[in-house]
N, C-alpha and C. Protein backbone atom coordinates (compact mmCIF):
# COMPACT_ATOMS: atom_id res chain seq x y z
N MET A 1 18.52 -20.31 -18.25
CA MET A 1 18.50 -19.00 -17.75
C MET A 1 16.88 -18.41 -17.87
N LYS A 2 16.19 -19.00 -19.07
CA LYS A 2 14.84 -18.51 -19.27
C LYS A 2 13.85 -18.98 -18.02
N PHE A 3 14.05 -20.25 -17.53
CA PHE A 3 13.36 -20.79 -16.53
C PHE A 3 13.80 -20.04 -15.16
N LYS A 4 14.73 -19.51 -14.89
CA LYS A 4 15.48 -19.13 -13.75
C LYS A 4 14.81 -17.57 -13.63
N TRP A 5 14.92 -16.88 -14.60
CA TRP A 5 14.50 -15.68 -14.79
C TRP A 5 12.77 -15.50 -14.85
N SER A 6 12.25 -16.49 -15.33
CA SER A 6 10.82 -16.56 -15.26
C SER A 6 10.15 -16.92 -13.74
N LEU A 7 10.79 -17.82 -13.07
CA LEU A 7 10.74 -18.27 -11.70
C LEU A 7 10.62 -17.00 -10.86
N ILE A 8 11.93 -16.22 -11.01
CA ILE A 8 12.04 -15.19 -9.92
C ILE A 8 11.09 -13.98 -10.32
N THR A 9 10.71 -13.78 -11.49
CA THR A 9 9.75 -12.80 -11.97
C THR A 9 8.36 -13.12 -11.50
N ILE A 10 7.98 -14.48 -11.70
CA ILE A 10 6.66 -14.79 -11.11
C ILE A 10 6.59 -14.79 -9.58
N GLY A 11 7.76 -15.22 -9.05
CA GLY A 11 7.71 -15.31 -7.50
C GLY A 11 7.37 -13.91 -6.96
N GLN A 12 8.15 -12.98 -7.66
CA GLN A 12 7.82 -11.51 -7.05
C GLN A 12 6.73 -11.03 -7.36
N LEU A 13 5.98 -11.29 -8.41
CA LEU A 13 4.37 -10.99 -8.73
C LEU A 13 3.52 -11.48 -7.79
N LEU A 14 3.91 -12.96 -7.40
CA LEU A 14 3.05 -13.47 -6.48
C LEU A 14 3.32 -12.83 -5.12
N PHE A 15 4.36 -12.64 -4.72
CA PHE A 15 4.83 -12.00 -3.37
C PHE A 15 4.07 -10.52 -3.32
N LEU A 16 3.95 -9.91 -4.38
CA LEU A 16 3.13 -8.47 -4.39
C LEU A 16 1.47 -8.65 -4.34
N SER A 17 1.21 -9.76 -5.00
CA SER A 17 -0.09 -10.08 -5.04
C SER A 17 -0.78 -10.60 -3.71
N PHE A 18 0.24 -11.30 -2.85
CA PHE A 18 -0.48 -12.08 -1.59
C PHE A 18 0.66 -11.71 -0.70
N PRO A 19 1.11 -10.58 -0.25
CA PRO A 19 2.06 -10.22 0.62
C PRO A 19 1.64 -10.65 1.95
N PRO A 20 2.58 -11.26 2.82
CA PRO A 20 2.12 -11.52 4.24
C PRO A 20 1.86 -10.17 4.87
N ARG A 21 0.70 -10.53 5.65
CA ARG A 21 0.43 -9.41 6.44
C ARG A 21 1.47 -8.84 7.54
N SER A 22 2.16 -9.79 7.97
CA SER A 22 3.24 -9.40 8.90
C SER A 22 4.28 -8.43 8.58
N ILE A 23 4.54 -8.48 7.30
CA ILE A 23 5.36 -7.44 6.45
C ILE A 23 4.63 -6.35 6.19
N LEU A 24 3.40 -6.56 5.35
CA LEU A 24 2.61 -5.27 4.88
C LEU A 24 2.23 -4.46 6.05
N TYR A 25 2.09 -4.96 7.18
CA TYR A 25 1.36 -4.05 8.44
C TYR A 25 2.47 -3.96 9.62
N SER A 26 3.62 -4.19 9.29
CA SER A 26 4.84 -4.11 10.19
C SER A 26 4.79 -2.86 11.11
N ASP A 27 5.17 -3.15 12.20
CA ASP A 27 5.47 -1.86 13.01
C ASP A 27 6.88 -1.06 12.67
N TYR A 28 7.60 -1.78 12.00
CA TYR A 28 9.08 -1.34 11.42
C TYR A 28 8.74 -0.76 10.01
N SER A 29 8.97 0.60 9.72
CA SER A 29 8.62 1.24 8.47
C SER A 29 9.68 0.63 7.30
N ILE A 30 10.73 0.17 7.88
CA ILE A 30 11.77 -0.51 6.90
C ILE A 30 11.19 -1.58 6.05
N PHE A 31 10.37 -2.43 6.51
CA PHE A 31 9.69 -3.52 5.85
C PHE A 31 8.67 -2.76 4.60
N GLY A 32 8.26 -1.54 4.58
CA GLY A 32 7.52 -1.04 3.69
C GLY A 32 8.40 -0.67 2.52
N TRP A 33 9.60 -0.54 2.67
CA TRP A 33 10.78 -0.52 1.75
C TRP A 33 10.84 -1.66 0.97
N ILE A 34 10.62 -2.90 1.15
CA ILE A 34 10.83 -4.07 0.58
C ILE A 34 9.74 -4.15 -0.62
N PHE A 35 8.64 -3.42 -0.44
CA PHE A 35 7.82 -3.54 -1.46
C PHE A 35 8.14 -2.44 -2.73
N PHE A 36 8.75 -1.29 -2.21
CA PHE A 36 9.26 -0.40 -3.15
C PHE A 36 10.47 -0.84 -3.81
N ALA A 37 11.45 -1.64 -3.25
CA ALA A 37 12.61 -2.17 -3.84
C ALA A 37 12.06 -3.26 -4.88
N ILE A 38 11.14 -3.87 -4.47
CA ILE A 38 10.76 -4.99 -5.68
C ILE A 38 9.92 -4.47 -6.70
N ILE A 39 9.17 -3.27 -6.63
CA ILE A 39 8.26 -2.76 -7.75
C ILE A 39 9.21 -1.90 -8.49
N PHE A 40 10.33 -1.04 -8.14
CA PHE A 40 11.19 -0.18 -8.61
C PHE A 40 12.55 -0.77 -8.86
N GLY A 41 12.87 -1.90 -8.45
CA GLY A 41 14.14 -2.42 -8.53
C GLY A 41 14.46 -3.88 -9.17
N THR A 42 14.13 -4.83 -8.21
CA THR A 42 14.10 -5.93 -8.51
C THR A 42 13.39 -6.60 -9.65
N LEU A 43 11.91 -6.09 -9.50
CA LEU A 43 11.11 -6.63 -10.67
C LEU A 43 11.25 -6.17 -11.88
N PRO A 44 11.73 -4.92 -12.11
CA PRO A 44 11.91 -4.43 -13.38
C PRO A 44 13.35 -5.14 -13.97
N TYR A 45 14.25 -5.44 -13.19
CA TYR A 45 15.59 -6.01 -13.68
C TYR A 45 15.29 -7.35 -13.76
N SER A 46 14.43 -8.09 -13.09
CA SER A 46 14.06 -9.63 -13.63
C SER A 46 13.31 -9.71 -14.78
N VAL A 47 12.56 -8.69 -15.00
CA VAL A 47 11.86 -8.43 -16.63
C VAL A 47 12.76 -8.41 -17.66
N PHE A 48 13.82 -7.42 -17.33
CA PHE A 48 14.79 -7.19 -18.36
C PHE A 48 15.62 -8.40 -18.54
N LYS A 49 15.96 -8.88 -17.35
CA LYS A 49 16.74 -10.16 -17.80
C LYS A 49 15.98 -11.23 -18.43
N LEU A 50 14.71 -11.52 -17.99
CA LEU A 50 13.93 -12.41 -18.76
C LEU A 50 13.76 -12.17 -20.31
N ILE A 51 13.37 -10.84 -20.63
CA ILE A 51 13.24 -10.80 -21.88
C ILE A 51 14.71 -10.91 -22.56
N GLY A 52 15.73 -10.70 -21.96
CA GLY A 52 17.18 -10.74 -22.69
C GLY A 52 17.33 -12.43 -22.87
N SER A 53 16.95 -13.21 -21.99
CA SER A 53 17.12 -14.56 -22.02
C SER A 53 16.32 -15.05 -23.35
N LEU A 54 15.03 -14.55 -23.52
CA LEU A 54 14.16 -14.88 -24.75
C LEU A 54 14.68 -14.37 -25.90
N ASP A 55 15.28 -13.36 -26.11
CA ASP A 55 15.74 -12.60 -27.17
C ASP A 55 17.26 -13.02 -27.54
N GLN A 56 17.57 -14.19 -28.02
CA GLN A 56 18.97 -14.65 -28.13
C GLN A 56 19.65 -13.67 -29.22
N ALA A 57 18.77 -13.48 -30.22
CA ALA A 57 19.47 -12.69 -31.27
C ALA A 57 19.97 -11.29 -30.85
N GLY A 58 19.48 -10.56 -29.77
CA GLY A 58 19.73 -9.43 -29.42
C GLY A 58 19.22 -8.29 -30.27
N LYS A 59 18.05 -8.63 -30.93
CA LYS A 59 17.65 -7.48 -31.77
C LYS A 59 16.67 -6.43 -31.13
N HIS A 60 16.17 -7.00 -29.67
CA HIS A 60 15.29 -6.00 -29.06
C HIS A 60 15.73 -5.47 -27.98
N ALA A 61 16.83 -4.92 -27.99
CA ALA A 61 17.33 -4.20 -26.80
C ALA A 61 16.78 -3.16 -26.35
N ASN A 62 16.30 -2.14 -27.23
CA ASN A 62 15.28 -1.21 -26.66
C ASN A 62 14.26 -1.49 -26.18
N MET A 63 13.37 -2.64 -26.39
CA MET A 63 12.19 -3.34 -25.88
C MET A 63 12.25 -3.68 -24.63
N LYS A 64 13.66 -4.25 -24.33
CA LYS A 64 13.95 -4.82 -23.13
C LYS A 64 13.75 -3.71 -22.17
N LEU A 65 14.38 -2.78 -22.38
CA LEU A 65 14.51 -1.51 -21.33
C LEU A 65 13.00 -0.79 -21.33
N ALA A 66 12.18 -0.71 -22.59
CA ALA A 66 10.97 -0.12 -22.32
C ALA A 66 10.12 -1.01 -21.50
N VAL A 67 10.08 -2.13 -21.86
CA VAL A 67 9.12 -3.26 -21.07
C VAL A 67 9.39 -3.21 -19.48
N ALA A 68 10.84 -3.36 -19.01
CA ALA A 68 11.36 -3.22 -17.82
C ALA A 68 10.66 -1.86 -17.20
N ALA A 69 11.00 -0.90 -17.78
CA ALA A 69 10.26 0.45 -17.16
C ALA A 69 8.80 0.50 -16.97
N ALA A 70 8.30 -0.06 -17.92
CA ALA A 70 6.74 -0.04 -17.97
C ALA A 70 6.13 -0.90 -16.98
N THR A 71 7.04 -1.99 -16.43
CA THR A 71 6.59 -2.77 -15.46
C THR A 71 6.37 -1.90 -14.06
N CYS A 72 7.30 -0.89 -13.74
CA CYS A 72 7.13 0.08 -12.56
C CYS A 72 5.77 0.63 -12.68
N LEU A 73 5.32 1.00 -13.86
CA LEU A 73 4.15 1.99 -14.05
C LEU A 73 2.97 1.16 -13.96
N ILE A 74 2.97 -0.22 -14.23
CA ILE A 74 2.08 -0.77 -14.25
C ILE A 74 1.74 -1.54 -12.87
N VAL A 75 2.81 -2.25 -12.24
CA VAL A 75 2.57 -2.91 -10.95
C VAL A 75 2.58 -1.92 -9.86
N GLY A 76 3.36 -0.71 -9.85
CA GLY A 76 3.23 0.21 -8.95
C GLY A 76 1.75 0.61 -8.45
N PRO A 77 1.02 1.05 -9.39
CA PRO A 77 -0.45 1.64 -8.99
C PRO A 77 -1.18 0.55 -8.88
N SER A 78 -1.13 -0.63 -9.78
CA SER A 78 -1.71 -1.90 -9.28
C SER A 78 -1.68 -2.30 -8.00
N PHE A 79 -0.55 -2.38 -7.60
CA PHE A 79 -0.05 -2.75 -6.08
C PHE A 79 -1.06 -2.04 -5.01
N GLY A 80 -0.94 -0.80 -5.07
CA GLY A 80 -1.81 0.08 -4.40
C GLY A 80 -3.05 0.04 -4.46
N LEU A 81 -3.78 -0.10 -5.69
CA LEU A 81 -5.11 -0.29 -5.67
C LEU A 81 -5.72 -1.64 -5.25
N TYR A 82 -5.05 -2.78 -5.66
CA TYR A 82 -5.21 -4.05 -5.22
C TYR A 82 -5.20 -3.95 -3.46
N GLN A 83 -4.19 -3.59 -2.92
CA GLN A 83 -3.92 -3.55 -1.43
C GLN A 83 -5.40 -2.50 -0.79
N GLN A 84 -5.54 -1.61 -1.53
CA GLN A 84 -6.68 -0.67 -1.11
C GLN A 84 -8.03 -1.63 -1.23
N HIS A 85 -8.33 -2.23 -2.22
CA HIS A 85 -9.56 -2.89 -2.43
C HIS A 85 -9.35 -4.10 -1.40
N ASN A 86 -8.38 -4.64 -0.90
CA ASN A 86 -8.44 -5.93 -0.23
C ASN A 86 -8.74 -5.38 1.24
N GLU A 87 -8.27 -4.08 1.59
CA GLU A 87 -8.51 -3.53 2.90
C GLU A 87 -9.94 -3.37 3.10
N ARG A 88 -10.50 -2.37 1.91
CA ARG A 88 -12.06 -2.24 1.89
C ARG A 88 -12.85 -3.55 2.22
N ILE A 89 -12.33 -4.52 1.54
CA ILE A 89 -13.17 -6.03 1.84
C ILE A 89 -13.06 -6.39 3.38
N GLU A 90 -11.79 -6.26 3.60
CA GLU A 90 -11.50 -6.87 5.01
C GLU A 90 -12.47 -5.93 6.14
N LEU A 91 -12.63 -4.46 5.82
CA LEU A 91 -13.32 -3.82 6.69
C LEU A 91 -14.82 -4.01 6.65
N GLU A 92 -15.39 -4.25 5.53
CA GLU A 92 -16.68 -4.56 5.17
C GLU A 92 -17.14 -5.90 6.09
N LYS A 93 -16.07 -6.96 5.89
CA LYS A 93 -16.13 -8.16 6.59
C LYS A 93 -16.19 -8.10 8.20
N ASN A 94 -14.87 -7.54 8.67
CA ASN A 94 -14.59 -7.40 10.00
C ASN A 94 -14.59 -6.21 10.67
N GLY A 95 -15.00 -5.15 10.10
CA GLY A 95 -14.85 -3.59 10.71
C GLY A 95 -15.75 -3.43 11.90
N ARG A 96 -15.14 -2.64 12.73
CA ARG A 96 -15.69 -2.32 14.10
C ARG A 96 -15.50 -0.89 14.23
N TRP A 97 -16.36 -0.02 14.70
CA TRP A 97 -16.35 1.34 14.77
C TRP A 97 -15.72 1.68 16.37
N THR A 98 -14.79 2.76 16.36
CA THR A 98 -14.42 3.25 17.77
C THR A 98 -14.26 4.72 17.52
N LYS A 99 -14.07 5.41 18.56
CA LYS A 99 -13.87 6.78 18.73
C LYS A 99 -12.40 6.93 18.51
N GLY A 100 -11.93 7.99 17.70
CA GLY A 100 -10.55 8.51 17.74
C GLY A 100 -10.44 9.62 18.19
N ILE A 101 -9.23 10.14 18.38
CA ILE A 101 -9.02 11.55 18.84
C ILE A 101 -7.97 12.11 17.86
N VAL A 102 -8.08 13.28 17.20
CA VAL A 102 -7.08 13.86 16.49
C VAL A 102 -5.97 14.23 17.48
N VAL A 103 -4.74 13.82 17.04
CA VAL A 103 -3.55 14.28 18.02
C VAL A 103 -2.53 15.11 17.40
N ASP A 104 -2.73 15.30 15.89
CA ASP A 104 -1.95 16.22 15.51
C ASP A 104 -2.50 16.78 14.00
N ALA A 105 -2.29 17.81 13.70
CA ALA A 105 -2.95 18.40 12.43
C ALA A 105 -2.01 19.27 11.92
N LYS A 106 -1.86 19.51 10.55
CA LYS A 106 -0.77 20.12 9.85
C LYS A 106 -1.29 20.51 8.21
N THR A 107 -0.60 21.49 7.96
CA THR A 107 -0.80 21.72 6.45
C THR A 107 0.68 21.38 5.78
N ARG A 108 0.34 20.47 4.92
CA ARG A 108 1.59 20.00 4.08
C ARG A 108 1.17 19.91 2.57
N LYS A 109 1.99 20.67 1.91
CA LYS A 109 1.73 20.74 0.58
C LYS A 109 0.47 21.54 0.10
N HIS A 110 0.13 22.35 0.98
CA HIS A 110 -1.07 23.03 0.78
C HIS A 110 -2.25 22.00 0.86
N LYS A 111 -2.24 21.06 1.54
CA LYS A 111 -3.27 20.21 2.11
C LYS A 111 -3.53 20.16 3.59
N TRP A 112 -4.59 20.16 4.14
CA TRP A 112 -4.84 20.06 5.64
C TRP A 112 -4.64 18.45 5.87
N LYS A 113 -3.95 18.03 7.00
CA LYS A 113 -3.72 16.49 7.23
C LYS A 113 -3.85 16.43 8.79
N ILE A 114 -4.60 15.18 9.06
CA ILE A 114 -4.66 14.98 10.54
C ILE A 114 -4.14 13.59 10.83
N LYS A 115 -3.86 13.49 11.94
CA LYS A 115 -3.25 12.16 12.62
C LYS A 115 -4.21 11.77 13.77
N VAL A 116 -4.68 10.49 13.70
CA VAL A 116 -5.85 10.02 14.46
C VAL A 116 -5.26 8.85 15.53
N SER A 117 -5.59 8.93 16.88
CA SER A 117 -5.17 8.06 17.74
C SER A 117 -6.60 7.13 18.20
N TYR A 118 -6.31 5.91 18.11
CA TYR A 118 -7.61 4.93 18.31
C TYR A 118 -7.01 3.82 19.40
N THR A 119 -7.95 3.42 20.30
CA THR A 119 -7.88 2.36 21.13
C THR A 119 -8.50 1.24 20.85
N VAL A 120 -7.85 0.01 20.64
CA VAL A 120 -8.68 -1.17 20.54
C VAL A 120 -7.98 -2.30 21.68
N ALA A 121 -8.79 -2.84 22.38
CA ALA A 121 -8.58 -3.93 23.38
C ALA A 121 -7.22 -3.26 24.38
N LYS A 122 -7.51 -2.11 24.74
CA LYS A 122 -6.26 -1.62 25.65
C LYS A 122 -4.99 -1.26 24.92
N LYS A 123 -4.85 -1.39 23.59
CA LYS A 123 -3.77 -1.05 22.70
C LYS A 123 -4.08 0.16 21.87
N THR A 124 -3.09 1.21 21.91
CA THR A 124 -3.37 2.37 21.02
C THR A 124 -2.61 2.43 19.73
N PHE A 125 -3.52 2.74 18.79
CA PHE A 125 -2.90 2.69 17.38
C PHE A 125 -2.92 4.20 16.85
N GLU A 126 -2.10 4.55 16.07
CA GLU A 126 -2.20 5.85 15.50
C GLU A 126 -2.38 5.78 13.80
N THR A 127 -3.05 6.57 13.31
CA THR A 127 -3.03 6.71 11.78
C THR A 127 -1.83 7.06 11.30
N THR A 128 -1.63 7.15 9.84
CA THR A 128 -0.78 8.09 9.29
C THR A 128 -1.50 9.37 9.17
N TYR A 129 -0.70 10.48 8.56
CA TYR A 129 -1.44 11.47 8.19
C TYR A 129 -2.44 11.45 7.25
N GLN A 130 -3.68 11.98 7.50
CA GLN A 130 -4.67 11.64 6.24
C GLN A 130 -5.00 13.14 5.77
N ASN A 131 -5.27 12.97 4.64
CA ASN A 131 -5.95 14.29 4.03
C ASN A 131 -7.34 14.64 4.58
N GLU A 132 -7.49 15.84 5.04
CA GLU A 132 -8.84 16.04 5.37
C GLU A 132 -9.41 17.36 4.82
N GLU A 133 -10.04 17.09 3.60
CA GLU A 133 -10.54 18.39 2.71
C GLU A 133 -11.04 19.54 3.04
N SER A 134 -12.16 19.24 4.20
CA SER A 134 -12.79 20.08 4.67
C SER A 134 -12.12 21.17 5.88
N LYS A 135 -11.32 20.59 6.18
CA LYS A 135 -10.50 21.26 7.72
C LYS A 135 -11.62 21.58 8.59
N THR A 136 -12.29 20.19 8.94
CA THR A 136 -13.23 20.22 9.94
C THR A 136 -12.63 19.75 11.28
N PHE A 137 -11.59 18.93 11.25
CA PHE A 137 -11.03 18.47 12.48
C PHE A 137 -9.88 19.04 12.97
N TYR A 138 -9.92 19.43 14.31
CA TYR A 138 -8.64 19.93 14.62
C TYR A 138 -8.27 19.16 15.71
N VAL A 139 -6.78 19.33 16.55
CA VAL A 139 -6.30 18.74 17.64
C VAL A 139 -7.19 18.64 18.59
N GLY A 140 -7.54 17.29 19.35
CA GLY A 140 -8.36 17.25 20.38
C GLY A 140 -9.84 16.66 20.04
N ASP A 141 -10.06 16.99 18.79
CA ASP A 141 -11.51 16.68 18.15
C ASP A 141 -11.64 15.02 17.99
N SER A 142 -12.93 14.66 18.25
CA SER A 142 -13.17 13.32 18.11
C SER A 142 -13.54 12.90 16.57
N ILE A 143 -13.23 11.78 16.16
CA ILE A 143 -13.77 11.33 14.93
C ILE A 143 -13.69 9.89 14.78
N ARG A 144 -14.96 9.17 14.22
CA ARG A 144 -15.07 7.95 14.36
C ARG A 144 -14.17 6.86 13.41
N VAL A 145 -13.49 6.07 13.89
CA VAL A 145 -12.71 5.20 13.12
C VAL A 145 -13.25 3.96 13.04
N ILE A 146 -13.18 3.17 11.40
CA ILE A 146 -13.41 1.74 11.39
C ILE A 146 -12.20 1.19 11.16
N TYR A 147 -12.12 -0.22 12.24
CA TYR A 147 -10.66 -0.92 12.10
C TYR A 147 -11.16 -2.26 11.86
N SER A 148 -10.09 -3.00 11.44
CA SER A 148 -10.56 -4.57 11.38
C SER A 148 -10.29 -5.36 12.66
N SER A 149 -11.34 -5.83 13.09
CA SER A 149 -11.35 -6.52 14.45
C SER A 149 -10.14 -7.67 14.32
N ASP A 150 -9.75 -8.17 13.03
CA ASP A 150 -8.56 -9.01 12.84
C ASP A 150 -7.33 -8.36 13.05
N LEU A 151 -7.16 -7.37 12.51
CA LEU A 151 -6.08 -6.46 12.47
C LEU A 151 -6.27 -5.09 12.42
N PRO A 152 -6.21 -4.50 13.74
CA PRO A 152 -6.58 -3.15 13.97
C PRO A 152 -5.65 -2.06 13.23
N LYS A 153 -4.63 -2.32 12.66
CA LYS A 153 -3.80 -1.62 11.78
C LYS A 153 -4.55 -1.22 10.46
N ILE A 154 -5.40 -1.99 10.06
CA ILE A 154 -6.35 -1.56 8.91
C ILE A 154 -7.34 -0.83 9.15
N TYR A 155 -7.39 0.56 9.01
CA TYR A 155 -8.43 1.22 9.18
C TYR A 155 -8.69 2.29 8.34
N ARG A 156 -9.86 2.94 8.46
CA ARG A 156 -10.46 4.03 7.66
C ARG A 156 -10.98 5.27 8.40
N LEU A 157 -10.86 6.26 8.29
CA LEU A 157 -11.49 7.36 9.13
C LEU A 157 -12.89 7.53 8.38
N GLU A 158 -13.91 8.02 9.37
CA GLU A 158 -15.24 8.06 8.86
C GLU A 158 -15.51 8.57 7.48
N TYR A 159 -15.03 9.74 7.36
CA TYR A 159 -15.23 10.65 5.86
C TYR A 159 -14.72 9.87 4.77
N ASP A 160 -13.47 8.96 5.05
CA ASP A 160 -12.76 8.59 3.92
C ASP A 160 -13.74 7.28 3.73
N TRP A 161 -14.35 6.53 4.66
CA TRP A 161 -15.13 5.33 4.53
C TRP A 161 -16.31 5.62 3.87
N LYS A 162 -17.07 6.83 4.13
CA LYS A 162 -18.04 7.28 3.24
C LYS A 162 -17.80 7.60 1.80
N ASP A 163 -16.78 8.18 1.60
CA ASP A 163 -16.26 8.60 0.27
C ASP A 163 -16.06 7.47 -0.56
N GLU A 164 -15.27 6.56 0.03
CA GLU A 164 -14.98 5.19 -0.83
C GLU A 164 -16.26 4.29 -1.23
N GLY A 165 -17.30 4.50 -0.17
CA GLY A 165 -18.58 3.65 -0.54
C GLY A 165 -19.34 4.25 -1.55
N GLN A 166 -19.22 5.47 -1.90
CA GLN A 166 -20.15 5.91 -3.04
C GLN A 166 -19.65 5.68 -4.31
């Protein structure tokens, strides 16, 4: 059992560290839930079972639960930061600039958010809603977008790109 749970845990960590781009940047949002399910469901469960298989005497029952819960708190933010770092490297290597148009703007949770549309090779892409602190851009305004020439779904808006670079 130790080997089985070790293998399952390591496999999930490797999947989160090197996710297939076809899943990570899928057009279908349901695939995004795979990462959520692993980080907050199957990975903590497999860690719990792994510690249980190592603790034959059953003396550390509380520790199993604490470590399994801590797995979410460590792996979740780490996954996000690691993917953001990888996207930054991708854009530095293969980034191309284009003009985007703000197609929607709204206030949500007291923050101004915009959605931008940009075209690459006659195919149109839309960003998710992005925070825009200065409330400078409104529907119809132009904004520069940097995207990856290898995978145009990887993008940053100009003001985000400048902020990250500092």
